[in-house]
Protein backbone atom coordinates (compact mmCIF):
# COMPACT_ATOMS: atom_id res chain seq x y z
CA MET A 1 17.32 6.33 -20.58
CA ARG A 2 16.48 3.79 -18.03
CA LYS A 3 12.97 3.13 -17.00
CA LEU A 4 11.90 1.56 -13.48
CA ALA A 5 10.73 -1.22 -14.94
CA VAL A 6 14.42 -2.26 -14.81
CA GLY A 7 14.90 -1.93 -11.21
CA LEU A 8 12.39 -5.17 -11.09
CA ALA A 9 15.43 -7.33 -12.24
CA LEU A 10 17.32 -6.71 -9.69
CA TRP A 11 15.10 -8.60 -7.69
CA LEU A 12 16.91 -12.02 -9.36
CA THR A 13 20.09 -11.38 -7.80
CA ALA A 14 22.52 -11.10 -4.73
CA ASP A 15 22.31 -12.69 -1.21
CA ALA A 16 19.33 -13.69 0.76
CA SER A 17 19.03 -11.55 3.84
CA VAL A 18 18.91 -13.78 7.31
CA ASN A 19 17.85 -11.75 10.33
CA VAL A 20 21.04 -12.63 12.18
CA TRP A 21 20.47 -10.16 15.28
CA GLY A 22 23.50 -8.44 16.58
CA ALA A 23 23.83 -5.82 19.37
CA THR A 24 20.50 -3.76 20.94
CA LEU A 25 20.68 -0.04 20.79
CA THR A 26 18.77 1.61 23.08
CA VAL A 27 16.64 5.07 22.07
CA THR A 28 15.13 7.12 25.23
CA HIS A 29 12.97 10.09 24.73
CA PRO A 30 14.37 12.83 23.79
CA GLN A 31 17.16 10.88 21.89
CA SER A 32 17.23 10.89 17.89
CA ILE A 33 15.75 7.05 16.57
CA GLN A 34 17.31 8.30 13.26
CA ALA A 35 20.59 8.92 15.16
CA ALA A 36 20.87 5.28 16.52
CA ILE A 37 19.59 3.59 13.49
CA SER A 38 22.99 5.86 11.46
CA ARG A 39 25.18 3.79 14.33
CA ALA A 40 23.38 0.57 13.90
CA GLN A 41 25.10 -2.45 11.38
CA ARG A 42 23.76 -4.98 9.87
CA GLY A 43 21.32 -7.73 12.46
CA ASP A 44 21.28 -4.85 15.20
CA THR A 45 18.34 -4.10 17.12
CA VAL A 46 16.84 -0.39 17.59
CA ARG A 47 15.02 -0.50 20.79
CA VAL A 48 12.77 2.76 21.28
CA LEU A 49 11.38 3.51 25.09
CA PRO A 50 8.14 5.15 25.34
CA GLY A 51 7.89 9.43 24.24
CA THR A 52 7.14 11.41 22.03
CA TYR A 53 9.28 11.50 18.99
CA HIS A 54 9.05 14.18 15.93
CA GLU A 55 11.29 13.01 13.02
CA THR A 56 11.42 10.97 9.85
CA ILE A 57 12.96 7.60 10.39
CA PHE A 58 14.83 5.96 7.04
CA ILE A 59 16.43 2.67 7.05
CA ASP A 60 18.64 1.37 4.05
CA LYS A 61 20.52 -1.17 5.74
CA ASP A 62 19.68 -4.92 5.86
CA ASP A 63 18.66 -6.93 8.60
CA ILE A 64 17.44 -3.80 11.30
CA ARG A 65 15.01 -4.22 13.89
CA LEU A 66 12.98 -1.01 14.85
CA GLN A 67 11.26 -2.20 17.99
CA GLY A 68 9.04 0.16 19.88
CA VAL A 69 9.15 -0.87 23.56
CA VAL A 70 5.16 -0.49 25.08
CA ASP A 71 5.79 -0.25 29.08
CA GLN A 72 2.70 -0.22 31.01
CA GLY A 73 0.52 1.14 27.83
CA LYS A 74 2.85 3.98 27.33
CA TRP A 75 4.02 3.91 23.53
CA PRO A 76 6.84 5.17 21.77
CA ILE A 77 5.11 7.93 19.53
CA LEU A 78 6.38 8.98 16.27
CA ASP A 79 4.57 12.17 15.66
CA GLY A 80 4.70 14.42 12.52
CA GLU A 81 2.29 17.23 13.58
CA GLY A 82 0.76 17.05 10.29
CA LYS A 83 4.06 18.60 9.26
CA LEU A 84 6.44 15.81 8.16
CA ASN A 85 5.69 13.86 4.75
CA ASP A 86 6.72 10.45 5.93
CA GLY A 87 7.03 8.41 9.31
CA ILE A 88 9.15 5.48 8.75
CA LEU A 89 10.93 4.84 5.39
CA ALA A 90 12.82 1.14 4.58
CA SER A 91 14.78 0.24 1.60
CA GLY A 92 16.53 -2.29 3.47
CA HIS A 93 16.09 -5.71 3.05
CA GLY A 94 14.78 -8.24 5.94
CA VAL A 95 13.60 -4.81 7.78
CA ILE A 96 11.34 -5.43 10.99
CA ILE A 97 9.56 -2.68 12.28
CA GLU A 98 7.05 -3.35 15.42
CA GLY A 99 5.73 -2.04 18.40
CA MET A 100 5.50 1.92 16.84
CA TRP A 101 2.64 4.14 17.67
CA VAL A 102 3.02 6.32 13.68
CA ARG A 103 0.53 9.30 13.54
CA ARG A 104 0.03 12.75 11.24
CA PHE A 105 2.32 12.38 9.00
CA LYS A 106 1.22 14.02 5.77
CA GLY A 107 2.16 11.19 3.35
CA ASN A 108 2.63 7.78 4.34
CA GLY A 109 3.19 6.93 8.02
CA ILE A 110 5.00 3.34 7.48
CA MET A 111 6.44 2.62 3.63
CA THR A 112 8.72 -0.09 2.21
CA GLN A 113 10.41 0.62 -1.26
CA GLY A 114 12.00 -2.49 -2.85
CA SER A 115 12.38 -4.14 0.42
CA ASN A 116 12.41 -7.84 0.23
CA ASN A 117 11.81 -10.58 3.57
CA TYR A 118 10.35 -7.20 5.92
CA GLN A 119 7.74 -7.51 8.74
CA ILE A 120 5.43 -4.52 9.77
CA ILE A 121 3.83 -6.13 12.94
CA HIS A 122 2.30 -4.81 15.92
CA ASN A 123 1.77 -1.34 14.77
CA VAL A 124 -0.62 1.56 15.44
CA VAL A 125 -0.78 3.98 12.43
CA GLU A 126 -3.23 6.95 12.10
CA GLY A 127 -3.76 9.78 10.11
CA PRO A 128 -4.39 12.09 8.51
CA CYS A 129 -2.31 10.69 5.91
CA PHE A 130 -2.13 9.30 2.67
CA TYR A 131 -1.29 5.68 3.27
CA ALA A 132 -0.63 4.41 6.73
CA ILE A 133 1.22 1.31 5.68
CA PHE A 134 2.78 1.43 2.35
CA PRO A 135 4.73 -1.58 0.98
CA GLN A 136 5.85 -1.18 -2.89
CA PHE A 137 8.06 -3.04 -4.87
CA GLY A 138 8.85 -5.90 -2.40
CA ARG A 139 8.91 -9.94 -1.79
CA ASN A 140 8.34 -12.25 0.68
CA GLY A 141 6.38 -9.46 3.19
CA LEU A 142 4.38 -10.01 6.30
CA VAL A 143 2.20 -7.18 7.71
CA ALA A 144 0.21 -8.20 10.54
CA HIS A 145 -1.31 -7.43 13.86
CA ASN A 146 -1.50 -3.58 13.23
CA ILE A 147 -4.02 -0.94 13.76
CA VAL A 148 -4.30 1.46 11.18
CA SER A 149 -6.82 4.44 10.03
CA LYS A 150 -7.88 7.88 8.69
CA SER A 151 -5.71 7.54 5.05
CA GLU A 152 -6.69 9.52 2.63
CA ASP A 153 -6.24 6.54 0.09
CA ALA A 154 -5.95 3.07 1.37
CA ALA A 155 -5.01 2.40 5.33
CA ILE A 156 -2.72 -0.58 3.93
CA TYR A 157 -1.73 -0.55 0.81
CA VAL A 158 0.44 -3.35 -1.01
CA GLY A 159 1.73 -2.00 -4.40
CA MET A 160 3.60 -4.23 -7.21
CA SER A 161 4.74 -6.90 -4.80
CA ASP A 162 4.85 -10.82 -4.73
CA GLY A 163 4.20 -13.26 -1.52
CA ILE A 164 2.66 -10.75 0.60
CA ASP A 165 0.46 -12.04 3.56
CA VAL A 166 -1.91 -9.43 5.16
CA LEU A 167 -3.10 -10.89 8.41
CA ASP A 168 -5.18 -9.79 11.49
CA ASN A 169 -5.16 -5.92 11.01
CA GLU A 170 -7.57 -3.63 11.72
CA ALA A 171 -8.10 -1.27 9.30
CA SER A 172 -10.81 1.84 9.77
CA HIS A 173 -12.35 5.26 8.50
CA SER A 174 -9.94 5.53 5.14
CA ILE A 175 -10.93 5.43 1.34
CA ILE A 176 -9.88 1.76 1.27
CA GLY A 177 -9.48 -0.28 4.49
CA ILE A 178 -7.12 -3.02 2.34
CA GLU A 179 -5.40 -2.77 -1.21
CA THR A 180 -3.63 -4.85 -3.33
CA GLU A 181 -2.50 -3.18 -6.57
CA ASN A 182 -0.98 -5.07 -9.28
CA THR A 183 0.63 -7.44 -6.78
CA ARG A 184 1.05 -11.50 -7.32
CA ASP A 185 0.56 -14.26 -4.42
CA ALA A 186 -1.35 -12.13 -1.54
CA LEU A 187 -3.27 -13.60 1.49
CA ILE A 188 -5.83 -11.20 2.67
CA GLN A 189 -6.64 -12.84 5.98
CA SER A 190 -8.54 -12.47 9.37
CA ASN A 191 -8.41 -8.78 8.90
CA TYR A 192 -11.38 -6.86 10.66
CA VAL A 193 -12.24 -4.18 8.03
CA HIS A 194 -14.41 -2.03 8.96
CA ASP A 195 -16.12 2.07 8.61
CA ASN A 196 -14.25 2.90 5.68
CA VAL A 197 -15.29 4.08 2.10
CA MET A 198 -14.51 0.44 0.79
CA GLY A 199 -13.68 -2.45 2.54
CA ILE A 200 -10.81 -4.58 0.59
CA ALA A 201 -9.97 -4.02 -2.98
CA VAL A 202 -7.73 -6.20 -5.38
CA THR A 203 -6.77 -3.87 -8.45
CA LYS A 204 -5.02 -3.90 -11.65
CA LEU A 205 -4.38 -0.80 -12.83
CA ALA A 206 -3.10 1.09 -16.05
CA GLY A 207 0.35 3.05 -16.49
CA LEU A 208 2.32 0.70 -13.74
CA PRO A 209 5.36 -1.03 -14.61
CA VAL A 210 3.89 -4.46 -13.25
CA LYS A 211 1.10 -5.63 -15.87
CA THR A 212 -0.66 -8.04 -13.84
CA ALA A 213 -2.77 -8.90 -10.47
CA GLU A 214 -2.82 -12.29 -9.87
CA ARG A 215 -3.51 -15.44 -7.13
CA THR A 216 -5.00 -13.40 -4.53
CA ILE A 217 -6.72 -15.13 -1.91
CA ILE A 218 -9.34 -12.85 0.54
CA ARG A 219 -10.22 -15.37 3.36
CA ASN A 220 -11.61 -15.24 6.98
CA ASN A 221 -12.12 -11.51 6.75
CA PHE A 222 -15.12 -9.42 9.26
CA ILE A 223 -15.73 -6.69 6.22
CA ILE A 224 -18.48 -4.74 7.90
CA ALA A 225 -20.14 -1.06 7.20
CA ASN A 226 -18.15 0.63 4.90
CA ASN A 227 -20.05 3.45 4.31
CA THR A 228 -18.11 6.56 5.22
CA ALA A 229 -18.78 8.99 2.48
CA ASN A 230 -15.63 9.38 -0.10
CA PHE A 231 -13.03 11.87 1.10
CA ALA A 232 -10.62 11.61 -1.17
CA PRO A 233 -8.57 14.71 -2.35
CA ALA A 234 -10.32 16.18 -5.99
CA GLY A 235 -8.54 14.44 -8.60
CA ALA A 236 -7.23 11.62 -6.66
CA ILE A 237 -7.86 8.25 -8.26
CA THR A 238 -10.03 7.32 -5.50
CA ALA A 239 -12.13 10.19 -5.41
CA THR A 240 -14.45 8.34 -7.85
CA ALA A 241 -14.59 5.10 -5.81
CA PRO A 242 -18.29 4.21 -4.92
CA ALA A 243 -18.90 4.33 -1.31
CA GLY A 244 -20.64 1.28 0.60
CA VAL A 245 -18.64 -1.67 -1.10
CA GLY A 246 -17.54 -4.74 0.76
CA ILE A 247 -14.70 -5.78 -1.75
CA MET A 248 -13.94 -4.65 -4.84
CA ILE A 249 -12.29 -6.34 -7.19
CA LEU A 250 -11.06 -4.77 -10.27
CA GLY A 251 -9.14 -6.39 -13.49
CA ALA A 252 -7.25 -8.88 -11.07
CA ASP A 253 -7.04 -12.74 -12.09
CA PHE A 254 -7.33 -16.08 -9.76
CA THR A 255 -8.68 -13.92 -7.14
CA THR A 256 -10.48 -16.20 -4.26
CA VAL A 257 -12.97 -14.93 -1.87
CA GLU A 258 -13.98 -17.27 0.62
CA GLY A 259 -14.97 -17.57 4.14
CA ASN A 260 -15.89 -13.75 5.08
CA LEU A 261 -18.28 -12.15 6.82
CA ILE A 262 -19.34 -9.33 4.58
CA ARG A 263 -22.35 -7.19 5.96
CA ASP A 264 -23.99 -4.04 6.34
CA ASN A 265 -22.34 -2.46 3.01
CA ASN A 266 -24.46 0.09 1.70
CA SER A 267 -23.91 -0.51 -2.03
CA LEU A 268 -22.92 -4.01 -2.16
CA GLY A 269 -21.01 -6.85 -1.00
CA ILE A 270 -18.64 -7.45 -3.83
CA LEU A 271 -18.18 -5.55 -6.83
CA LEU A 272 -15.99 -7.55 -9.87
CA SER A 273 -15.38 -5.50 -12.80
CA GLU A 274 -12.92 -4.28 -15.57
CA THR A 275 -10.05 -2.07 -14.79
CA THR A 276 -11.84 0.36 -16.63
CA PHE A 277 -14.96 0.76 -14.30
CA LEU A 278 -13.14 3.02 -12.54
CA ILE A 279 -10.27 4.04 -14.60
CA THR A 280 -10.42 4.72 -18.57
CA THR A 281 -6.73 5.40 -19.18
CA PRO A 282 -6.42 2.44 -21.71
CA ASP A 283 -2.95 0.11 -21.82
CA ALA A 284 -1.86 -1.90 -24.23
CA GLN A 285 0.45 -4.20 -22.39
CA MET A 286 -2.62 -4.89 -19.87
CA ASN A 287 -5.53 -7.07 -19.77
CA PRO A 288 -8.35 -4.94 -18.31
CA LEU A 289 -10.59 -8.04 -17.36
CA ALA A 290 -11.17 -9.83 -14.39
CA SER A 291 -10.73 -13.45 -14.83
CA ASP A 292 -11.01 -16.80 -13.04
CA ALA A 293 -12.31 -15.37 -9.77
CA SER A 294 -13.85 -17.85 -7.56
CA ILE A 295 -16.62 -16.83 -5.09
CA LEU A 296 -16.69 -19.40 -2.44
CA ARG A 297 -18.22 -19.78 0.67
CA ASN A 298 -18.90 -16.35 2.79
CA VAL A 299 -21.69 -15.08 4.90
CA PHE A 300 -23.73 -11.90 3.64
CA LEU A 301 -25.94 -10.16 5.99
CA ASP A 302 -27.82 -7.12 4.73
CA ASN A 303 -25.69 -5.58 2.21
CA GLY A 304 -27.11 -2.99 -0.73
CA SER A 305 -29.66 -1.31 1.79
CA ASN A 306 -29.01 2.33 0.27
CA PRO A 307 -26.48 2.13 -2.73
CA THR A 308 -24.76 5.41 -3.85
CA ASP A 309 -25.80 7.31 -6.68
CA SER A 310 -23.20 5.67 -9.47
CA LEU A 311 -24.09 2.16 -8.46
CA LYS A 312 -27.52 2.98 -7.81
CA ASP A 313 -27.70 3.91 -11.42
CA LEU A 314 -26.24 1.00 -12.44
CA LEU A 315 -28.55 -1.82 -10.47
CA ALA A 316 -31.58 0.15 -11.70
CA ALA A 317 -30.45 -0.09 -15.29
CA ALA A 318 -30.21 -3.93 -14.37
CA GLY A 319 -33.68 -3.97 -12.71
CA ARG A 320 -32.46 -3.99 -9.09
CA SER A 321 -32.85 -1.47 -6.37
CA LYS A 322 -31.42 -3.08 -3.31
CA GLY A 323 -30.15 -6.02 -1.27
CA VAL A 324 -27.38 -7.03 -3.76
CA ASP A 325 -24.05 -9.10 -2.50
CA LEU A 326 -22.34 -9.77 -5.78
CA PHE A 327 -22.32 -7.13 -9.03
CA THR A 328 -20.63 -8.09 -11.78
CA THR A 329 -19.46 -5.81 -14.75
CA GLY A 330 -17.77 -6.83 -17.94
CA LYS A 331 -16.79 -9.88 -20.22
CA GLY A 332 -13.92 -11.63 -17.59
CA ARG A 333 -13.80 -15.50 -18.49
CA ASN A 334 -13.96 -18.60 -16.14
CA ASN A 335 -15.44 -16.52 -13.16
CA CYS A 336 -17.57 -19.12 -10.72
CA ILE A 337 -19.43 -18.87 -7.64
CA ALA A 338 -20.03 -21.86 -5.46
CA ASP A 339 -23.25 -21.40 -3.90
CA ARG A 340 -25.35 -19.71 -6.50
CA SER A 341 -28.82 -19.64 -4.66
CA ALA A 342 -27.08 -17.96 -1.38
CA ILE A 343 -25.96 -14.91 -3.41
CA GLN A 344 -28.05 -12.18 -4.42
CA SER A 345 -26.19 -11.35 -7.90
CA VAL A 346 -26.68 -9.08 -10.82
CA GLY A 347 -24.10 -9.79 -13.80
CA ALA A 348 -23.44 -13.20 -12.96
CA THR A 349 -25.05 -15.10 -15.33
CA ARG A 350 -21.40 -15.85 -17.52
CA PHE A 351 -20.22 -17.49 -14.25
CA GLY A 352 -19.88 -20.84 -13.66
CA ASP A 353 -20.25 -22.81 -10.62
CA CYS A 354 -17.22 -23.56 -8.94
CA ALA A 355 -16.15 -27.15 -8.41
CA PRO A 356 -17.63 -29.24 -5.75
CA GLY A 357 -15.39 -28.26 -2.72
CA ALA A 358 -13.53 -26.11 -3.63
CA THR A 359 -11.17 -24.71 -1.17
CA SER A 360 -8.39 -22.05 -0.79
CA THR A 361 -7.78 -23.32 2.66
CA LYS A 362 -4.52 -25.53 1.56
CA VAL A 363 -2.91 -22.23 1.23
CA SER A 364 -1.61 -21.04 4.69
CA THR A 365 0.63 -18.44 3.31
CA ALA A 366 1.55 -16.45 0.21
CA ARG A 367 4.79 -16.08 0.87
CA PRO A 368 7.72 -18.46 0.30
CA PRO A 369 8.92 -21.03 2.34
CA SER A 370 12.65 -19.30 2.62
CA PRO A 371 14.30 -15.61 2.58
CA VAL A 372 14.14 -14.56 -1.22
CA THR A 373 17.22 -12.74 -3.15
CA ALA A 374 17.95 -9.44 -1.75
CA PRO A 375 19.77 -7.44 -4.12
CA SER A 376 22.83 -4.62 -3.00
CA TYR A 377 21.78 -1.63 -4.93
CA THR A 378 24.32 0.79 -6.74
CA ALA A 379 23.73 4.18 -5.92
CA GLU A 380 22.04 4.95 -9.07
CA GLN A 381 19.67 2.35 -7.92
CA LYS A 382 19.42 3.64 -4.57
CA GLY A 383 18.38 6.96 -6.03
CA ARG A 384 15.57 5.86 -8.06
CA LEU A 385 13.81 4.08 -5.23
CA THR A 386 14.26 6.59 -2.74
CA TYR A 387 13.25 8.72 -5.23
CA MET A 388 9.61 6.76 -5.49
CA ALA A 389 9.85 6.36 -1.75
CA VAL A 390 9.82 9.81 -0.57
CA CYS A 391 9.21 12.66 -3.62
CA THR A 392 6.85 11.37 -5.42
CA GLY A 393 4.55 11.97 -2.35
CA CYS A 394 4.42 15.79 -3.17
CA HIS A 395 5.52 15.71 -6.80
CA THR A 396 4.89 14.84 -10.18
CA TYR A 397 6.80 14.71 -13.57
CA ASP A 398 5.12 17.88 -14.69
CA SER A 399 2.26 19.09 -12.91
CA ARG A 400 1.76 20.42 -9.74
CA LEU A 401 0.92 17.97 -6.97
CA ILE A 402 1.85 19.51 -3.01
CA GLY A 403 4.98 20.58 -4.62
CA PRO A 404 6.15 21.49 -7.67
CA PRO A 405 6.52 19.32 -11.07
CA MET A 406 10.12 18.08 -11.29
CA VAL A 407 10.58 19.38 -14.71
CA THR A 408 10.82 22.64 -13.11
CA VAL A 409 13.33 21.56 -10.88
CA LYS A 410 15.51 20.09 -13.49
CA ALA A 411 15.89 23.22 -15.16
CA LEU A 412 16.26 25.45 -11.96
CA TYR A 413 19.15 22.94 -11.44
CA ASN A 414 20.56 21.43 -14.34
CA GLY A 415 24.00 20.49 -13.79
CA LYS A 416 24.35 21.01 -10.54
CA PRO A 417 23.57 17.47 -8.35
CA GLN A 418 25.00 18.67 -5.27
CA ALA A 419 23.46 22.18 -4.82
CA LEU A 420 20.40 20.23 -5.17
CA ALA A 421 21.33 17.69 -2.78
CA ASN A 422 22.26 20.25 -0.52
CA TRP A 423 18.75 21.75 -1.12
CA ILE A 424 16.67 18.28 -0.11
CA ALA A 425 18.30 18.32 3.32
CA LYS A 426 17.78 22.20 4.22
CA PRO A 427 15.33 23.52 1.65
CA THR A 428 14.18 27.09 1.68
CA ARG A 429 10.92 28.69 0.15
CA LYS A 430 11.14 29.54 -3.49
CA ARG A 431 7.87 30.22 -4.41
CA PRO A 432 4.82 32.20 -2.38
CA ASP A 433 1.94 29.56 -3.81
CA LEU A 434 3.76 26.37 -2.75
CA PRO A 435 4.17 25.06 1.04
CA GLU A 436 7.63 25.20 2.12
CA MET A 437 8.87 21.43 2.19
CA PRO A 438 9.91 19.71 4.66
CA PRO A 439 13.74 18.97 5.23
CA GLN A 440 14.78 15.46 4.36
CA ASN A 441 18.50 15.82 6.04
CA TYR A 442 17.74 12.31 7.65
CA LEU A 443 18.75 11.05 4.33
CA PRO A 444 22.42 10.25 4.26
CA PRO A 445 24.40 12.46 2.16
CA GLU A 446 25.15 9.96 -0.46
CA VAL A 447 21.75 8.95 -0.52
CA ARG A 448 20.48 12.73 -1.07
CA LEU A 449 22.89 13.01 -4.42
CA ALA A 450 21.87 9.94 -5.72
CA VAL A 451 18.30 11.59 -5.56
CA ALA A 452 19.47 14.46 -7.05
CA ASN A 453 21.37 12.72 -9.74
CA TYR A 454 18.59 10.65 -10.94
CA ILE A 455 15.89 13.43 -10.69
CA LEU A 456 18.71 15.15 -13.07
CA ASN A 457 19.82 12.82 -15.22
CA GLU A 458 17.48 10.17 -15.34
CA LEU A 459 13.80 11.13 -14.63
CA SER A 460 11.60 11.65 -17.65
CA HIS A 461 7.86 11.71 -18.09
């Protein structure tokens, strides 16, 4: 049976998307944005005029530009009313999403799944939601000039991706302001990250198809007062995240931290640790240690004034109670500090001195110089990617989340993929102890059938 990781090989084939723009389709309230997306052809722009729209938008075509029009301070607002799961989902390549105000979706505000050469720019995304902006399994992406807030996980989350720039965003009032997870070649620069539980996290987590997290640059950000009490749902991985941390580097390699203002984070300025610091699940295919980190010149002010319970105990065991800029655990190799005397550190005796004049400034972008290859997915591959984008927000394979476990769905609809596809479009409540599933009728019929076939024939633990 195929695994999700097989889909990663698709990145290496097919033609690159080019962003050759064609016709413009204009949406005026109360018209449907999705209806315009369904009519659009490759290269078209869908312009959305101000008004409040209540729908989910699904973009599975290449080189589509979704462009909100802001007129005299009035925005096009996409409002899930706390009922719909996701705001904007894109699986097409070369997609641009800009100028939209997205709010009150239970799952994700803006998500790309398997998209290459995308841009998510100049949007406002506010919760409550799980992730505000969530690109995953993509290459050559830009997340820039967005204002994001009130996420129950990361406000901006980049998962299992390559060549991504996260620039000039404001991320606040979330569990994590900005997170890259099992991602290679990312630039996190010139963002204002404040009033989260934790500011910026670069993580390598166990159990995912991608086993590395490498070459992330965290540069010239304002990382200020990330001291919000942890409000993650019980049982979530982030429920154990300590509050008051400016930057966390968890198991990632070749991370550079340079030119940031890191101030007023009550527990620590920077926490650098092995993956198992927060997640004890082992992964034999992954090295959990954080190595080759470079802590170059940054400005640290008034961090560590009131550490939270878990970090307070660790610091006390190390003979410190407060005022720590850098706290490290584990046995990562080849980590270095540029100006040791300017940093109050604990556990960094293994760190070497960075080379004189070391800097990341020669790297102006993590994105490749030209568009990367963009595969044309088969129906089976679309089913897998759409399942990951849409269904996993509420379902796991064998345990109850928001909805029932998928193993019960497989038993109920065994051999009946069309019946499951029809129910996905127009669900009815089957169990009184679970909420009614929002209709997923924005998905084209062939995509719903592909998802049903994937769930019934391919999905496994």
